[in-house]
Amino acid sequence: MHPQTRRHLVNNERLRSSAIKEFALHGLAGAKVSNIVANAQLTQPSFYRLWPSKEAAYQDIIDHTVEAWHMAAVLVFDDDVTWTSENLLAQMEHGTFKLYNALTIDLDLTTLVIRHQLHDPEQRETYVAIYDQGFGDLQREGVIGRVLTSEVLAQTYLALTERFFYARLLNGQHSPLTAAREVAFLMTSVLNNAGENTTGQAKKKSAQSSKKPTPP
């Protein structure tokens, strides 16, 4: 890589990191370009070569982060490994860990994006749709039962991941892996109970059928 190109990349990363901290601390309205470049130890022309305005910088940071989070949500249901009832807990833990890892790379950035998404309720529906697809695929493949709809499972998983993120990770109380294990255990319990209910209902119907008198 050419030294000048490398220098531009390093400077851009410094500006991005400084902008995240400034927006997280002061919000879009209170943030100042002068603070961003001062903390990055660069000049205002450097900032404006990367973004035309602080509003553009803010939106660029939000958009790239949300896109990365959406991809992490999709990767909860990893297609590279075949999910089975036997590895359900391990796969759920692994997928949730990848999600939490993406959310905790930069907590300043995470705080900024969460604050932004409070004014965009459609973002929540995006995650529900992603998880709905994932649980629906597992149901169609016979890995989990159908007592609960995939949409209900998606809502349940979203509620668990949100709750444990705020309670365990945002305050630094636990590691992403520990929180992922807790969520995976609870979610797998829900999935297993739904599967047992399916089996129980099938056995009950079979028993009822066997009790019917045979016509002469």
N, C-alpha and C. Protein backbone atom coordinates (compact mmCIF):
# COMPACT_ATOMS: atom_id res chain seq x y z
N MET A 1 0.84 -1.20 0.00
CA MET A 1 0.00 0.00 0.00
C MET A 1 0.88 1.25 0.00
N HIS A 2 0.52 2.21 -0.81
CA HIS A 2 1.28 3.45 -0.89
C HIS A 2 1.22 4.17 0.46
N PRO A 3 2.35 4.75 0.90
CA PRO A 3 2.37 5.44 2.21
C PRO A 3 1.30 6.53 2.35
N GLN A 4 1.04 7.26 1.27
CA GLN A 4 0.03 8.32 1.34
C GLN A 4 -1.37 7.74 1.54
N THR A 5 -1.62 6.62 0.86
CA THR A 5 -2.91 5.94 1.02
C THR A 5 -3.07 5.45 2.45
N ARG A 6 -2.01 4.87 2.99
CA ARG A 6 -2.05 4.39 4.37
C ARG A 6 -2.31 5.54 5.34
N ARG A 7 -1.67 6.66 5.08
CA ARG A 7 -1.85 7.82 5.96
C ARG A 7 -3.29 8.32 5.92
N HIS A 8 -3.89 8.34 4.73
CA HIS A 8 -5.29 8.76 4.60
C HIS A 8 -6.21 7.82 5.39
N LEU A 9 -5.95 6.53 5.30
CA LEU A 9 -6.79 5.56 6.01
C LEU A 9 -6.66 5.74 7.52
N VAL A 10 -5.44 5.95 7.98
CA VAL A 10 -5.23 6.16 9.42
C VAL A 10 -5.93 7.43 9.88
N ASN A 11 -5.80 8.50 9.09
CA ASN A 11 -6.45 9.77 9.45
C ASN A 11 -7.97 9.64 9.46
N ASN A 12 -8.50 8.91 8.48
CA ASN A 12 -9.95 8.71 8.42
C ASN A 12 -10.44 7.96 9.65
N GLU A 13 -9.68 6.97 10.08
CA GLU A 13 -10.07 6.20 11.26
C GLU A 13 -10.00 7.06 12.51
N ARG A 14 -9.00 7.92 12.59
CA ARG A 14 -8.90 8.84 13.73
C ARG A 14 -10.08 9.81 13.76
N LEU A 15 -10.45 10.31 12.59
CA LEU A 15 -11.60 11.21 12.52
C LEU A 15 -12.89 10.48 12.90
N ARG A 16 -13.02 9.28 12.42
CA ARG A 16 -14.23 8.50 12.72
C ARG A 16 -14.34 8.23 14.22
N SER A 17 -13.23 7.82 14.84
CA SER A 17 -13.23 7.54 16.27
C SER A 17 -13.54 8.79 17.07
N SER A 18 -12.95 9.90 16.67
CA SER A 18 -13.19 11.16 17.37
C SER A 18 -14.63 11.62 17.19
N ALA A 19 -15.18 11.44 15.99
CA ALA A 19 -16.57 11.84 15.73
C ALA A 19 -17.54 11.01 16.56
N ILE A 20 -17.28 9.71 16.69
CA ILE A 20 -18.13 8.85 17.50
C ILE A 20 -18.19 9.35 18.94
N LYS A 21 -17.02 9.67 19.48
CA LYS A 21 -16.97 10.15 20.87
C LYS A 21 -17.69 11.49 21.01
N GLU A 22 -17.51 12.36 20.04
CA GLU A 22 -18.15 13.68 20.10
C GLU A 22 -19.67 13.56 20.00
N PHE A 23 -20.15 12.73 19.08
CA PHE A 23 -21.60 12.55 18.93
C PHE A 23 -22.20 11.83 20.14
N ALA A 24 -21.46 10.85 20.67
CA ALA A 24 -21.96 10.12 21.84
C ALA A 24 -22.06 11.04 23.05
N LEU A 25 -21.16 11.98 23.14
CA LEU A 25 -21.11 12.88 24.30
C LEU A 25 -22.10 14.04 24.18
N HIS A 26 -22.22 14.60 22.96
CA HIS A 26 -23.00 15.83 22.80
C HIS A 26 -24.23 15.68 21.89
N GLY A 27 -24.36 14.52 21.22
CA GLY A 27 -25.46 14.39 20.26
C GLY A 27 -25.14 15.16 18.99
N LEU A 28 -26.00 15.01 17.99
CA LEU A 28 -25.76 15.69 16.72
C LEU A 28 -25.83 17.20 16.87
N ALA A 29 -26.82 17.69 17.60
CA ALA A 29 -27.02 19.14 17.71
C ALA A 29 -25.86 19.81 18.44
N GLY A 30 -25.33 19.18 19.47
CA GLY A 30 -24.28 19.81 20.26
C GLY A 30 -22.86 19.54 19.79
N ALA A 31 -22.71 18.59 18.87
CA ALA A 31 -21.38 18.24 18.40
C ALA A 31 -20.78 19.36 17.55
N LYS A 32 -19.45 19.48 17.61
CA LYS A 32 -18.76 20.51 16.84
C LYS A 32 -17.62 19.88 16.04
N VAL A 33 -17.53 20.29 14.78
CA VAL A 33 -16.46 19.80 13.92
C VAL A 33 -15.11 20.18 14.50
N SER A 34 -15.03 21.36 15.09
CA SER A 34 -13.76 21.82 15.67
C SER A 34 -13.29 20.88 16.76
N ASN A 35 -14.22 20.35 17.56
CA ASN A 35 -13.85 19.40 18.61
C ASN A 35 -13.39 18.08 18.01
N ILE A 36 -14.07 17.66 16.96
CA ILE A 36 -13.74 16.37 16.32
C ILE A 36 -12.32 16.41 15.77
N VAL A 37 -11.97 17.46 15.04
CA VAL A 37 -10.63 17.52 14.44
C VAL A 37 -9.57 17.77 15.51
N ALA A 38 -9.91 18.52 16.54
CA ALA A 38 -8.94 18.77 17.61
C ALA A 38 -8.59 17.49 18.34
N ASN A 39 -9.59 16.69 18.66
CA ASN A 39 -9.36 15.43 19.37
C ASN A 39 -8.66 14.41 18.49
N ALA A 40 -8.86 14.52 17.18
CA ALA A 40 -8.17 13.63 16.24
C ALA A 40 -6.78 14.15 15.88
N GLN A 41 -6.47 15.36 16.34
CA GLN A 41 -5.20 16.02 16.05
C GLN A 41 -5.00 16.18 14.54
N LEU A 42 -6.08 16.60 13.88
CA LEU A 42 -6.07 16.85 12.45
C LEU A 42 -6.67 18.23 12.18
N THR A 43 -6.83 18.57 10.92
CA THR A 43 -7.35 19.88 10.55
C THR A 43 -8.76 19.74 9.98
N GLN A 44 -9.48 20.87 9.93
CA GLN A 44 -10.84 20.85 9.39
C GLN A 44 -10.88 20.41 7.93
N PRO A 45 -9.92 20.82 7.09
CA PRO A 45 -9.94 20.29 5.71
C PRO A 45 -9.93 18.76 5.65
N SER A 46 -9.24 18.14 6.60
CA SER A 46 -9.22 16.67 6.64
C SER A 46 -10.62 16.13 6.87
N PHE A 47 -11.35 16.79 7.78
CA PHE A 47 -12.73 16.38 8.06
C PHE A 47 -13.59 16.51 6.81
N TYR A 48 -13.51 17.66 6.15
CA TYR A 48 -14.39 17.92 5.02
C TYR A 48 -14.00 17.15 3.76
N ARG A 49 -12.80 16.59 3.74
CA ARG A 49 -12.46 15.67 2.64
C ARG A 49 -13.17 14.33 2.82
N LEU A 50 -13.48 14.02 4.08
CA LEU A 50 -14.15 12.74 4.37
C LEU A 50 -15.66 12.88 4.36
N TRP A 51 -16.18 13.96 4.94
CA TRP A 51 -17.62 14.20 5.01
C TRP A 51 -17.92 15.66 4.65
N PRO A 52 -19.01 15.92 3.97
CA PRO A 52 -19.34 17.32 3.61
C PRO A 52 -19.87 18.14 4.78
N SER A 53 -20.33 17.48 5.85
CA SER A 53 -20.90 18.19 7.00
C SER A 53 -20.92 17.25 8.20
N LYS A 54 -21.18 17.82 9.38
CA LYS A 54 -21.26 16.97 10.58
C LYS A 54 -22.49 16.08 10.50
N GLU A 55 -23.55 16.57 9.83
CA GLU A 55 -24.77 15.75 9.66
C GLU A 55 -24.46 14.53 8.81
N ALA A 56 -23.65 14.73 7.76
CA ALA A 56 -23.27 13.61 6.90
C ALA A 56 -22.39 12.63 7.66
N ALA A 57 -21.51 13.15 8.50
CA ALA A 57 -20.65 12.28 9.31
C ALA A 57 -21.49 11.43 10.25
N TYR A 58 -22.43 12.07 10.91
CA TYR A 58 -23.32 11.37 11.85
C TYR A 58 -24.10 10.26 11.15
N GLN A 59 -24.70 10.58 10.02
CA GLN A 59 -25.52 9.60 9.31
C GLN A 59 -24.67 8.46 8.75
N ASP A 60 -23.48 8.77 8.29
CA ASP A 60 -22.57 7.75 7.77
C ASP A 60 -22.21 6.75 8.87
N ILE A 61 -21.90 7.28 10.04
CA ILE A 61 -21.54 6.41 11.17
C ILE A 61 -22.73 5.54 11.58
N ILE A 62 -23.90 6.14 11.66
CA ILE A 62 -25.10 5.39 12.03
C ILE A 62 -25.39 4.29 11.01
N ASP A 63 -25.38 4.65 9.73
CA ASP A 63 -25.74 3.70 8.67
C ASP A 63 -24.79 2.51 8.63
N HIS A 64 -23.49 2.77 8.71
CA HIS A 64 -22.52 1.68 8.65
C HIS A 64 -22.63 0.76 9.86
N THR A 65 -22.91 1.35 11.01
CA THR A 65 -23.03 0.54 12.23
C THR A 65 -24.29 -0.32 12.20
N VAL A 66 -25.41 0.27 11.81
CA VAL A 66 -26.66 -0.48 11.74
C VAL A 66 -26.54 -1.62 10.73
N GLU A 67 -25.89 -1.36 9.62
CA GLU A 67 -25.69 -2.41 8.61
C GLU A 67 -24.88 -3.56 9.20
N ALA A 68 -23.85 -3.24 9.95
CA ALA A 68 -23.03 -4.28 10.58
C ALA A 68 -23.83 -5.07 11.61
N TRP A 69 -24.69 -4.38 12.36
CA TRP A 69 -25.53 -5.06 13.35
C TRP A 69 -26.54 -5.97 12.67
N HIS A 70 -27.11 -5.52 11.57
CA HIS A 70 -28.05 -6.37 10.84
C HIS A 70 -27.36 -7.64 10.35
N MET A 71 -26.13 -7.50 9.86
CA MET A 71 -25.39 -8.67 9.40
C MET A 71 -25.10 -9.61 10.56
N ALA A 72 -24.76 -9.05 11.72
CA ALA A 72 -24.52 -9.89 12.90
C ALA A 72 -25.78 -10.63 13.31
N ALA A 73 -26.94 -9.98 13.16
CA ALA A 73 -28.21 -10.63 13.48
C ALA A 73 -28.49 -11.79 12.52
N VAL A 74 -28.20 -11.57 11.25
CA VAL A 74 -28.37 -12.64 10.25
C VAL A 74 -27.47 -13.83 10.58
N LEU A 75 -26.24 -13.54 11.02
CA LEU A 75 -25.25 -14.58 11.28
C LEU A 75 -25.52 -15.35 12.57
N VAL A 76 -26.52 -14.92 13.35
CA VAL A 76 -26.92 -15.73 14.50
C VAL A 76 -27.29 -17.14 14.02
N PHE A 77 -27.95 -17.19 12.86
CA PHE A 77 -28.37 -18.48 12.28
C PHE A 77 -27.38 -18.84 11.18
N ASP A 78 -26.21 -19.32 11.58
CA ASP A 78 -25.10 -19.57 10.66
C ASP A 78 -25.44 -20.72 9.71
N ASP A 79 -25.40 -20.42 8.41
CA ASP A 79 -25.71 -21.44 7.41
C ASP A 79 -24.54 -22.39 7.16
N ASP A 80 -23.36 -22.05 7.66
CA ASP A 80 -22.19 -22.89 7.42
C ASP A 80 -22.21 -24.16 8.27
N VAL A 81 -23.03 -24.17 9.30
CA VAL A 81 -23.13 -25.33 10.19
C VAL A 81 -24.58 -25.83 10.19
N THR A 82 -24.75 -27.13 10.09
CA THR A 82 -26.08 -27.71 10.12
C THR A 82 -26.61 -27.72 11.55
N TRP A 83 -27.73 -27.04 11.75
CA TRP A 83 -28.35 -27.00 13.09
C TRP A 83 -29.13 -28.30 13.31
N THR A 84 -28.99 -28.86 14.50
CA THR A 84 -29.75 -30.05 14.88
C THR A 84 -30.27 -29.84 16.29
N SER A 85 -31.15 -30.72 16.72
CA SER A 85 -31.66 -30.63 18.09
C SER A 85 -30.53 -30.87 19.09
N GLU A 86 -29.50 -31.63 18.67
CA GLU A 86 -28.39 -31.93 19.57
C GLU A 86 -27.44 -30.75 19.76
N ASN A 87 -27.24 -29.94 18.72
CA ASN A 87 -26.29 -28.83 18.85
C ASN A 87 -27.01 -27.48 18.97
N LEU A 88 -28.29 -27.52 19.28
CA LEU A 88 -29.09 -26.30 19.34
C LEU A 88 -28.52 -25.30 20.35
N LEU A 89 -28.19 -25.77 21.55
CA LEU A 89 -27.66 -24.88 22.58
C LEU A 89 -26.33 -24.26 22.14
N ALA A 90 -25.44 -25.09 21.62
CA ALA A 90 -24.12 -24.60 21.19
C ALA A 90 -24.23 -23.59 20.06
N GLN A 91 -25.12 -23.87 19.10
CA GLN A 91 -25.28 -22.96 17.97
C GLN A 91 -25.92 -21.64 18.40
N MET A 92 -26.90 -21.72 19.29
CA MET A 92 -27.54 -20.50 19.77
C MET A 92 -26.55 -19.65 20.56
N GLU A 93 -25.70 -20.31 21.34
CA GLU A 93 -24.68 -19.57 22.09
C GLU A 93 -23.68 -18.92 21.14
N HIS A 94 -23.24 -19.66 20.14
CA HIS A 94 -22.25 -19.14 19.20
C HIS A 94 -22.81 -17.95 18.42
N GLY A 95 -24.05 -18.09 17.95
CA GLY A 95 -24.67 -17.01 17.19
C GLY A 95 -24.91 -15.76 18.04
N THR A 96 -25.35 -15.96 19.27
CA THR A 96 -25.60 -14.83 20.16
C THR A 96 -24.30 -14.14 20.54
N PHE A 97 -23.23 -14.92 20.70
CA PHE A 97 -21.93 -14.34 20.99
C PHE A 97 -21.47 -13.42 19.86
N LYS A 98 -21.67 -13.85 18.61
CA LYS A 98 -21.28 -13.01 17.48
C LYS A 98 -22.07 -11.71 17.48
N LEU A 99 -23.34 -11.80 17.81
CA LEU A 99 -24.18 -10.60 17.89
C LEU A 99 -23.67 -9.66 18.98
N TYR A 100 -23.45 -10.19 20.17
CA TYR A 100 -22.99 -9.37 21.29
C TYR A 100 -21.59 -8.81 21.05
N ASN A 101 -20.76 -9.58 20.37
CA ASN A 101 -19.43 -9.10 20.07
C ASN A 101 -19.49 -7.86 19.18
N ALA A 102 -20.39 -7.89 18.20
CA ALA A 102 -20.56 -6.73 17.32
C ALA A 102 -21.08 -5.52 18.08
N LEU A 103 -21.93 -5.76 19.06
CA LEU A 103 -22.54 -4.66 19.82
C LEU A 103 -21.58 -4.04 20.83
N THR A 104 -20.52 -4.75 21.19
CA THR A 104 -19.65 -4.26 22.26
C THR A 104 -18.26 -3.88 21.78
N ILE A 105 -18.03 -3.86 20.49
CA ILE A 105 -16.72 -3.45 19.96
C ILE A 105 -16.38 -2.04 20.42
N ASP A 106 -17.39 -1.16 20.39
CA ASP A 106 -17.19 0.24 20.80
C ASP A 106 -18.47 0.68 21.50
N LEU A 107 -18.45 0.74 22.82
CA LEU A 107 -19.67 1.06 23.57
C LEU A 107 -20.11 2.51 23.38
N ASP A 108 -19.17 3.41 23.08
CA ASP A 108 -19.57 4.78 22.75
C ASP A 108 -20.42 4.77 21.48
N LEU A 109 -19.96 4.02 20.50
CA LEU A 109 -20.69 3.90 19.24
C LEU A 109 -22.04 3.24 19.47
N THR A 110 -22.06 2.18 20.27
CA THR A 110 -23.30 1.48 20.56
C THR A 110 -24.30 2.39 21.24
N THR A 111 -23.85 3.16 22.21
CA THR A 111 -24.72 4.10 22.90
C THR A 111 -25.29 5.12 21.93
N LEU A 112 -24.45 5.61 21.04
CA LEU A 112 -24.88 6.60 20.05
C LEU A 112 -25.98 6.04 19.15
N VAL A 113 -25.77 4.82 18.65
CA VAL A 113 -26.73 4.23 17.71
C VAL A 113 -28.03 3.86 18.42
N ILE A 114 -27.92 3.34 19.64
CA ILE A 114 -29.13 3.01 20.41
C ILE A 114 -29.97 4.26 20.63
N ARG A 115 -29.32 5.35 21.00
CA ARG A 115 -30.02 6.60 21.21
C ARG A 115 -30.72 7.06 19.93
N HIS A 116 -30.04 6.89 18.82
CA HIS A 116 -30.63 7.26 17.52
C HIS A 116 -31.84 6.38 17.19
N GLN A 117 -31.73 5.07 17.47
CA GLN A 117 -32.79 4.14 17.11
C GLN A 117 -34.03 4.27 17.97
N LEU A 118 -33.92 4.95 19.10
CA LEU A 118 -35.11 5.19 19.92
C LEU A 118 -36.16 5.99 19.16
N HIS A 119 -35.71 6.74 18.16
CA HIS A 119 -36.62 7.55 17.35
C HIS A 119 -36.97 6.87 16.03
N ASP A 120 -36.59 5.59 15.90
CA ASP A 120 -36.84 4.86 14.67
C ASP A 120 -37.36 3.47 15.00
N PRO A 121 -38.66 3.34 15.32
CA PRO A 121 -39.22 2.05 15.74
C PRO A 121 -39.13 0.97 14.67
N GLU A 122 -38.97 1.37 13.42
CA GLU A 122 -38.88 0.37 12.35
C GLU A 122 -37.62 -0.49 12.48
N GLN A 123 -36.59 0.04 13.15
CA GLN A 123 -35.37 -0.73 13.33
C GLN A 123 -35.64 -2.01 14.10
N ARG A 124 -36.50 -1.94 15.10
CA ARG A 124 -36.84 -3.12 15.88
C ARG A 124 -37.50 -4.18 15.01
N GLU A 125 -38.37 -3.73 14.12
CA GLU A 125 -39.07 -4.66 13.25
C GLU A 125 -38.10 -5.36 12.29
N THR A 126 -37.01 -4.67 11.95
CA THR A 126 -36.01 -5.29 11.08
C THR A 126 -35.40 -6.51 11.76
N TYR A 127 -35.06 -6.37 13.03
CA TYR A 127 -34.48 -7.49 13.77
C TYR A 127 -35.49 -8.62 13.94
N VAL A 128 -36.74 -8.27 14.21
CA VAL A 128 -37.78 -9.30 14.33
C VAL A 128 -37.89 -10.07 13.02
N ALA A 129 -37.86 -9.38 11.90
CA ALA A 129 -37.97 -10.04 10.60
C ALA A 129 -36.79 -10.98 10.36
N ILE A 130 -35.59 -10.56 10.75
CA ILE A 130 -34.40 -11.40 10.57
C ILE A 130 -34.52 -12.67 11.43
N TYR A 131 -34.89 -12.50 12.68
CA TYR A 131 -35.01 -13.66 13.58
C TYR A 131 -36.20 -14.55 13.19
N ASP A 132 -37.26 -13.94 12.72
CA ASP A 132 -38.43 -14.69 12.25
C ASP A 132 -38.01 -15.64 11.13
N GLN A 133 -37.21 -15.13 10.21
CA GLN A 133 -36.72 -15.96 9.10
C GLN A 133 -35.86 -17.11 9.63
N GLY A 134 -34.98 -16.80 10.58
CA GLY A 134 -34.10 -17.82 11.12
C GLY A 134 -34.83 -18.93 11.84
N PHE A 135 -35.74 -18.57 12.73
CA PHE A 135 -36.50 -19.59 13.46
C PHE A 135 -37.46 -20.33 12.52
N GLY A 136 -37.99 -19.62 11.53
CA GLY A 136 -38.85 -20.27 10.56
C GLY A 136 -38.11 -21.35 9.78
N ASP A 137 -36.87 -21.07 9.40
CA ASP A 137 -36.06 -22.06 8.69
C ASP A 137 -35.82 -23.29 9.58
N LEU A 138 -35.55 -23.05 10.87
CA LEU A 138 -35.32 -24.18 11.78
C LEU A 138 -36.59 -25.02 11.94
N GLN A 139 -37.73 -24.37 11.93
CA GLN A 139 -38.99 -25.12 12.02
C GLN A 139 -39.23 -25.93 10.75
N ARG A 140 -38.99 -25.33 9.61
CA ARG A 140 -39.20 -26.05 8.34
C ARG A 140 -38.25 -27.23 8.19
N GLU A 141 -37.07 -27.11 8.81
CA GLU A 141 -36.09 -28.20 8.75
C GLU A 141 -36.34 -29.24 9.84
N GLY A 142 -37.33 -29.02 10.69
CA GLY A 142 -37.66 -29.98 11.73
C GLY A 142 -36.74 -29.96 12.93
N VAL A 143 -35.94 -28.90 13.06
CA VAL A 143 -35.01 -28.81 14.19
C VAL A 143 -35.74 -28.42 15.46
N ILE A 144 -36.73 -27.55 15.34
CA ILE A 144 -37.52 -27.10 16.49
C ILE A 144 -38.99 -27.27 16.18
N GLY A 145 -39.82 -27.28 17.24
CA GLY A 145 -41.25 -27.48 17.07
C GLY A 145 -41.97 -26.24 16.56
N ARG A 146 -43.28 -26.42 16.33
CA ARG A 146 -44.09 -25.34 15.78
C ARG A 146 -45.19 -24.89 16.72
N VAL A 147 -45.11 -25.28 18.00
CA VAL A 147 -46.12 -24.85 18.96
C VAL A 147 -46.17 -23.33 19.02
N LEU A 148 -44.99 -22.71 19.06
CA LEU A 148 -44.89 -21.26 19.01
C LEU A 148 -44.51 -20.86 17.60
N THR A 149 -45.13 -19.83 17.09
CA THR A 149 -44.81 -19.38 15.74
C THR A 149 -43.40 -18.80 15.70
N SER A 150 -42.83 -18.77 14.51
CA SER A 150 -41.49 -18.22 14.37
C SER A 150 -41.46 -16.75 14.75
N GLU A 151 -42.58 -16.05 14.54
CA GLU A 151 -42.63 -14.63 14.91
C GLU A 151 -42.61 -14.46 16.43
N VAL A 152 -43.30 -15.34 17.15
CA VAL A 152 -43.27 -15.30 18.62
C VAL A 152 -41.87 -15.62 19.12
N LEU A 153 -41.22 -16.61 18.51
CA LEU A 153 -39.85 -16.95 18.90
C LEU A 153 -38.91 -15.79 18.62
N ALA A 154 -39.12 -15.10 17.50
CA ALA A 154 -38.29 -13.94 17.15
C ALA A 154 -38.45 -12.83 18.19
N GLN A 155 -39.69 -12.57 18.58
CA GLN A 155 -39.95 -11.54 19.60
C GLN A 155 -39.31 -11.94 20.93
N THR A 156 -39.39 -13.22 21.27
CA THR A 156 -38.81 -13.71 22.52
C THR A 156 -37.30 -13.55 22.52
N TYR A 157 -36.67 -13.94 21.42
CA TYR A 157 -35.21 -13.85 21.32
C TYR A 157 -34.76 -12.39 21.35
N LEU A 158 -35.47 -11.52 20.66
CA LEU A 158 -35.12 -10.10 20.68
C LEU A 158 -35.24 -9.54 22.10
N ALA A 159 -36.30 -9.91 22.80
CA ALA A 159 -36.49 -9.42 24.17
C ALA A 159 -35.37 -9.91 25.08
N LEU A 160 -34.97 -11.17 24.94
CA LEU A 160 -33.89 -11.71 25.76
C LEU A 160 -32.55 -11.04 25.46
N THR A 161 -32.23 -10.90 24.18
CA THR A 161 -30.94 -10.30 23.83
C THR A 161 -30.88 -8.84 24.26
N GLU A 162 -31.99 -8.13 24.13
CA GLU A 162 -32.02 -6.74 24.57
C GLU A 162 -31.85 -6.64 26.08
N ARG A 163 -32.61 -7.45 26.81
CA ARG A 163 -32.60 -7.41 28.27
C ARG A 163 -31.20 -7.71 28.81
N PHE A 164 -30.58 -8.76 28.29
CA PHE A 164 -29.28 -9.14 28.81
C PHE A 164 -28.18 -8.19 28.32
N PHE A 165 -28.38 -7.57 27.19
CA PHE A 165 -27.41 -6.58 26.75
C PHE A 165 -27.39 -5.40 27.72
N TYR A 166 -28.56 -4.88 28.04
CA TYR A 166 -28.63 -3.73 28.95
C TYR A 166 -28.19 -4.10 30.37
N ALA A 167 -28.56 -5.30 30.82
CA ALA A 167 -28.28 -5.69 32.20
C ALA A 167 -26.87 -6.21 32.41
N ARG A 168 -26.27 -6.78 31.37
CA ARG A 168 -24.97 -7.44 31.54
C ARG A 168 -23.82 -6.75 30.81
N LEU A 169 -24.09 -6.20 29.64
CA LEU A 169 -22.99 -5.75 28.79
C LEU A 169 -22.80 -4.24 28.75
N LEU A 170 -23.88 -3.49 28.71
CA LEU A 170 -23.75 -2.04 28.58
C LEU A 170 -23.05 -1.43 29.79
N ASN A 171 -23.20 -2.08 30.93
CA ASN A 171 -22.53 -1.60 32.15
C ASN A 171 -21.22 -2.33 32.43
N GLY A 172 -20.82 -3.22 31.51
CA GLY A 172 -19.56 -3.94 31.67
C GLY A 172 -19.57 -5.00 32.73
N GLN A 173 -20.76 -5.46 33.13
CA GLN A 173 -20.86 -6.43 34.22
C GLN A 173 -20.35 -7.81 33.81
N HIS A 174 -20.60 -8.20 32.57
CA HIS A 174 -20.19 -9.52 32.09
C HIS A 174 -19.56 -9.41 30.71
N SER A 175 -18.92 -10.50 30.30
CA SER A 175 -18.34 -10.56 28.96
C SER A 175 -19.42 -10.96 27.96
N PRO A 176 -19.21 -10.66 26.66
CA PRO A 176 -20.18 -11.09 25.64
C PRO A 176 -20.44 -12.59 25.67
N LEU A 177 -19.40 -13.38 25.92
CA LEU A 177 -19.56 -14.84 25.94
C LEU A 177 -20.45 -15.28 27.09
N THR A 178 -20.24 -14.72 28.27
CA THR A 178 -21.05 -15.08 29.43
C THR A 178 -22.52 -14.73 29.20
N ALA A 179 -22.76 -13.51 28.70
CA ALA A 179 -24.13 -13.10 28.43
C ALA A 179 -24.76 -13.96 27.34
N ALA A 180 -23.98 -14.32 26.34
CA ALA A 180 -24.49 -15.17 25.25
C ALA A 180 -24.90 -16.54 25.78
N ARG A 181 -24.13 -17.08 26.72
CA ARG A 181 -24.46 -18.38 27.31
C ARG A 181 -25.79 -18.32 28.06
N GLU A 182 -25.99 -17.23 28.78
CA GLU A 182 -27.24 -17.08 29.54
C GLU A 182 -28.44 -16.99 28.60
N VAL A 183 -28.32 -16.17 27.56
CA VAL A 183 -29.41 -16.03 26.59
C VAL A 183 -29.67 -17.35 25.88
N ALA A 184 -28.59 -18.02 25.47
CA ALA A 184 -28.74 -19.28 24.75
C ALA A 184 -29.43 -20.33 25.60
N PHE A 185 -29.08 -20.39 26.88
CA PHE A 185 -29.70 -21.37 27.78
C PHE A 185 -31.20 -21.11 27.90
N LEU A 186 -31.57 -19.85 28.10
CA LEU A 186 -33.00 -19.53 28.24
C LEU A 186 -33.75 -19.75 26.94
N MET A 187 -33.16 -19.33 25.82
CA MET A 187 -33.85 -19.48 24.54
C MET A 187 -33.98 -20.95 24.16
N THR A 188 -32.95 -21.73 24.42
CA THR A 188 -33.01 -23.16 24.11
C THR A 188 -34.06 -23.85 24.98
N SER A 189 -34.21 -23.39 26.22
CA SER A 189 -35.25 -23.95 27.09
C SER A 189 -36.63 -23.71 26.49
N VAL A 190 -36.84 -22.51 25.97
CA VAL A 190 -38.11 -22.20 25.31
C VAL A 190 -38.32 -23.11 24.11
N LEU A 191 -37.29 -23.26 23.29
CA LEU A 191 -37.40 -24.08 22.07
C LEU A 191 -37.62 -25.55 22.41
N ASN A 192 -36.92 -26.04 23.42
CA ASN A 192 -37.07 -27.45 23.81
C ASN A 192 -38.45 -27.72 24.39
N ASN A 193 -38.96 -26.80 25.20
CA ASN A 193 -40.30 -26.96 25.76
C ASN A 193 -41.35 -26.96 24.66
N ALA A 194 -41.15 -26.11 23.67
CA ALA A 194 -42.09 -26.08 22.54
C ALA A 194 -42.04 -27.41 21.79
N GLY A 195 -40.82 -27.97 21.65
CA GLY A 195 -40.69 -29.25 20.98
C GLY A 195 -41.32 -30.37 21.77
N GLU A 196 -41.15 -30.33 23.11
CA GLU A 196 -41.76 -31.36 23.97
C GLU A 196 -43.27 -31.28 23.89
N ASN A 197 -43.81 -30.06 23.83
CA ASN A 197 -45.25 -29.90 23.71
C ASN A 197 -45.76 -30.51 22.43
N THR A 198 -44.96 -30.33 21.35
CA THR A 198 -45.34 -30.91 20.07
C THR A 198 -45.38 -32.43 20.16
N THR A 199 -44.33 -33.01 20.78
CA THR A 199 -44.27 -34.46 20.93
C THR A 199 -45.41 -34.96 21.81
N GLY A 200 -45.67 -34.23 22.90
CA GLY A 200 -46.73 -34.63 23.81
C GLY A 200 -48.09 -34.61 23.16
N GLN A 201 -48.34 -33.60 22.35
CA GLN A 201 -49.62 -33.52 21.66
C GLN A 201 -49.77 -34.66 20.66
N ALA A 202 -48.67 -34.99 19.99
CA ALA A 202 -48.73 -36.07 19.02
C ALA A 202 -49.02 -37.40 19.71
N LYS A 203 -48.36 -37.63 20.87
CA LYS A 203 -48.58 -38.87 21.61
C LYS A 203 -50.02 -38.94 22.13
N LYS A 204 -50.54 -37.80 22.57
CA LYS A 204 -51.90 -37.76 23.09
C LYS A 204 -52.90 -38.10 22.01
N LYS A 205 -52.69 -37.53 20.82
CA LYS A 205 -53.59 -37.82 19.70
C LYS A 205 -53.51 -39.29 19.30
N SER A 206 -52.27 -39.83 19.33
CA SER A 206 -52.09 -41.23 18.98
C SER A 206 -52.80 -42.13 19.98
N ALA A 207 -52.70 -41.80 21.28
CA ALA A 207 -53.34 -42.59 22.32
C ALA A 207 -54.85 -42.53 22.19
N GLN A 208 -55.37 -41.35 21.89
CA GLN A 208 -56.81 -41.19 21.73
C GLN A 208 -57.31 -41.99 20.54
N SER A 209 -56.52 -42.02 19.48
CA SER A 209 -56.92 -42.76 18.29
C SER A 209 -56.96 -44.26 18.56
N SER A 210 -55.98 -44.71 19.38
CA SER A 210 -55.90 -46.15 19.66
C SER A 210 -57.05 -46.63 20.53
N LYS A 211 -57.66 -45.70 21.28
CA LYS A 211 -58.76 -46.07 22.17
C LYS A 211 -60.10 -46.15 21.44
N LYS A 212 -60.14 -45.63 20.23
CA LYS A 212 -61.41 -45.65 19.49
C LYS A 212 -61.76 -47.10 19.15
N PRO A 213 -63.02 -47.49 19.32
CA PRO A 213 -63.41 -48.86 19.01
C PRO A 213 -63.28 -49.15 17.53
N THR A 214 -62.86 -50.36 17.24
CA THR A 214 -62.72 -50.78 15.84
C THR A 214 -64.08 -51.18 15.32
N PRO A 215 -64.51 -50.64 14.22
CA PRO A 215 -65.84 -50.95 13.67
C PRO A 215 -65.92 -52.42 13.27
N PRO A 216 -67.07 -53.04 13.46
CA PRO A 216 -67.19 -54.47 13.13
C PRO A 216 -67.09 -54.70 11.63
